[in-house]
Amino acid sequence: MPNGRCRMHGGKSSGPTKGSKNALKHGMRTAEHIEFRRSLNDLLRKSRALVEETLA
């Protein structure tokens, strides 16, 4: 196209606008969920270490 954009898709996307609910499908990548996973993994790591320490 003369304007340098794809006729079918409009070229590169800059991503969703701030606050767009269309960008949030399941919440698995939200900051809150990422922090939750990190804290859960840390708790599991500490629990495994405690079990190993107790059994040894």
N, C-alpha and C. Protein backbone atom coordinates (compact mmCIF):
# COMPACT_ATOMS: atom_id res chain seq x y z
N MET A 1 0.85 -1.18 0.00
CA MET A 1 0.00 0.00 0.00
C MET A 1 0.89 1.24 0.00
N PRO A 2 0.41 2.33 -0.56
CA PRO A 2 1.20 3.56 -0.62
C PRO A 2 1.57 4.12 0.77
N ASN A 3 0.75 3.90 1.76
CA ASN A 3 1.04 4.45 3.08
C ASN A 3 1.98 3.55 3.90
N GLY A 4 2.41 2.42 3.33
CA GLY A 4 3.36 1.55 4.01
C GLY A 4 2.74 0.58 4.99
N ARG A 5 1.43 0.51 5.04
CA ARG A 5 0.76 -0.40 5.96
C ARG A 5 0.11 -1.53 5.19
N CYS A 6 -0.09 -2.63 5.87
CA CYS A 6 -0.73 -3.79 5.26
C CYS A 6 -2.20 -3.46 4.98
N ARG A 7 -2.64 -3.79 3.81
CA ARG A 7 -4.03 -3.53 3.42
C ARG A 7 -5.01 -4.35 4.25
N MET A 8 -4.59 -5.56 4.62
CA MET A 8 -5.49 -6.44 5.35
C MET A 8 -5.41 -6.24 6.87
N HIS A 9 -4.19 -5.97 7.37
CA HIS A 9 -4.01 -5.97 8.82
C HIS A 9 -3.63 -4.61 9.39
N GLY A 10 -3.28 -3.65 8.57
CA GLY A 10 -2.96 -2.33 9.07
C GLY A 10 -1.54 -2.17 9.59
N GLY A 11 -0.69 -3.11 9.36
CA GLY A 11 0.70 -2.98 9.78
C GLY A 11 0.92 -3.45 11.19
N LYS A 12 2.06 -3.05 11.76
CA LYS A 12 2.40 -3.47 13.12
C LYS A 12 1.47 -2.83 14.13
N SER A 13 1.15 -3.58 15.12
CA SER A 13 0.29 -3.07 16.18
C SER A 13 1.16 -2.56 17.32
N SER A 14 0.74 -1.49 17.93
CA SER A 14 1.48 -0.97 19.09
C SER A 14 0.94 -1.59 20.37
N GLY A 15 0.02 -2.52 20.25
CA GLY A 15 -0.54 -3.19 21.42
C GLY A 15 -1.83 -2.55 21.86
N PRO A 16 -2.48 -3.12 22.85
CA PRO A 16 -3.75 -2.58 23.32
C PRO A 16 -3.54 -1.27 24.08
N THR A 17 -4.56 -0.46 24.12
CA THR A 17 -4.47 0.79 24.86
C THR A 17 -4.45 0.52 26.35
N LYS A 18 -3.96 1.47 27.11
CA LYS A 18 -3.90 1.32 28.57
C LYS A 18 -5.31 1.16 29.12
N GLY A 19 -5.49 0.18 29.99
CA GLY A 19 -6.78 -0.03 30.61
C GLY A 19 -7.77 -0.80 29.77
N SER A 20 -7.32 -1.34 28.63
CA SER A 20 -8.22 -2.07 27.75
C SER A 20 -8.53 -3.44 28.34
N LYS A 21 -9.79 -3.74 28.55
CA LYS A 21 -10.19 -5.03 29.09
C LYS A 21 -10.10 -6.12 28.02
N ASN A 22 -9.98 -5.73 26.75
CA ASN A 22 -9.85 -6.72 25.69
C ASN A 22 -8.50 -7.41 25.73
N ALA A 23 -7.52 -6.76 26.31
CA ALA A 23 -6.18 -7.34 26.38
C ALA A 23 -6.08 -8.38 27.49
N LEU A 24 -7.01 -8.39 28.41
CA LEU A 24 -6.98 -9.30 29.55
C LEU A 24 -7.95 -10.45 29.29
N LYS A 25 -7.39 -11.59 28.94
CA LYS A 25 -8.25 -12.73 28.63
C LYS A 25 -8.47 -13.62 29.84
N HIS A 26 -7.39 -13.90 30.59
CA HIS A 26 -7.52 -14.86 31.68
C HIS A 26 -6.82 -14.41 32.94
N GLY A 27 -6.02 -13.37 32.88
CA GLY A 27 -5.38 -12.85 34.08
C GLY A 27 -4.13 -13.58 34.51
N MET A 28 -3.63 -14.50 33.71
CA MET A 28 -2.45 -15.28 34.09
C MET A 28 -1.17 -14.46 34.03
N ARG A 29 -1.19 -13.33 33.35
CA ARG A 29 0.02 -12.52 33.21
C ARG A 29 -0.09 -11.16 33.89
N THR A 30 -1.05 -11.01 34.76
CA THR A 30 -1.17 -9.75 35.48
C THR A 30 -0.09 -9.69 36.55
N ALA A 31 0.26 -8.50 36.98
CA ALA A 31 1.31 -8.33 37.99
C ALA A 31 0.95 -9.05 39.28
N GLU A 32 -0.32 -9.02 39.64
CA GLU A 32 -0.75 -9.68 40.88
C GLU A 32 -0.55 -11.19 40.80
N HIS A 33 -0.89 -11.76 39.65
CA HIS A 33 -0.78 -13.21 39.50
C HIS A 33 0.68 -13.64 39.44
N ILE A 34 1.52 -12.86 38.77
CA ILE A 34 2.94 -13.17 38.70
C ILE A 34 3.55 -13.13 40.10
N GLU A 35 3.21 -12.12 40.88
CA GLU A 35 3.71 -12.03 42.25
C GLU A 35 3.21 -13.19 43.10
N PHE A 36 1.96 -13.60 42.90
CA PHE A 36 1.41 -14.75 43.62
C PHE A 36 2.18 -16.02 43.30
N ARG A 37 2.47 -16.24 42.01
CA ARG A 37 3.22 -17.44 41.61
C ARG A 37 4.62 -17.43 42.21
N ARG A 38 5.26 -16.27 42.21
CA ARG A 38 6.61 -16.19 42.78
C ARG A 38 6.60 -16.50 44.27
N SER A 39 5.63 -15.95 44.98
CA SER A 39 5.57 -16.21 46.42
C SER A 39 5.22 -17.67 46.70
N LEU A 40 4.36 -18.25 45.90
CA LEU A 40 4.02 -19.67 46.06
C LEU A 40 5.23 -20.55 45.79
N ASN A 41 5.99 -20.25 44.74
CA ASN A 41 7.19 -21.03 44.44
C ASN A 41 8.21 -20.90 45.56
N ASP A 42 8.34 -19.71 46.13
CA ASP A 42 9.26 -19.51 47.24
C ASP A 42 8.84 -20.35 48.45
N LEU A 43 7.54 -20.35 48.73
CA LEU A 43 7.02 -21.15 49.84
C LEU A 43 7.27 -22.64 49.61
N LEU A 44 7.07 -23.12 48.41
CA LEU A 44 7.32 -24.52 48.09
C LEU A 44 8.80 -24.87 48.25
N ARG A 45 9.68 -23.97 47.79
CA ARG A 45 11.11 -24.19 47.93
C ARG A 45 11.50 -24.31 49.41
N LYS A 46 10.97 -23.41 50.23
CA LYS A 46 11.28 -23.44 51.66
C LYS A 46 10.71 -24.70 52.32
N SER A 47 9.54 -25.12 51.89
CA SER A 47 8.93 -26.33 52.45
C SER A 47 9.75 -27.56 52.11
N ARG A 48 10.21 -27.66 50.87
CA ARG A 48 11.04 -28.80 50.47
C ARG A 48 12.33 -28.83 51.26
N ALA A 49 12.94 -27.66 51.46
CA ALA A 49 14.19 -27.59 52.22
C ALA A 49 13.95 -28.03 53.66
N LEU A 50 12.83 -27.63 54.24
CA LEU A 50 12.50 -28.02 55.61
C LEU A 50 12.29 -29.52 55.73
N VAL A 51 11.61 -30.11 54.76
CA VAL A 51 11.39 -31.56 54.76
C VAL A 51 12.72 -32.28 54.64
N GLU A 52 13.58 -31.83 53.73
CA GLU A 52 14.89 -32.46 53.57
C GLU A 52 15.71 -32.35 54.85
N GLU A 53 15.64 -31.19 55.50
CA GLU A 53 16.37 -30.98 56.74
C GLU A 53 15.84 -31.88 57.84
N THR A 54 14.54 -32.05 57.89
CA THR A 54 13.92 -32.87 58.92
C THR A 54 14.24 -34.35 58.73
N LEU A 55 14.23 -34.81 57.50
CA LEU A 55 14.47 -36.22 57.21
C LEU A 55 15.96 -36.59 57.28
N ALA A 56 16.81 -35.64 57.11
CA ALA A 56 18.26 -35.93 57.09
C ALA A 56 18.86 -36.07 58.46
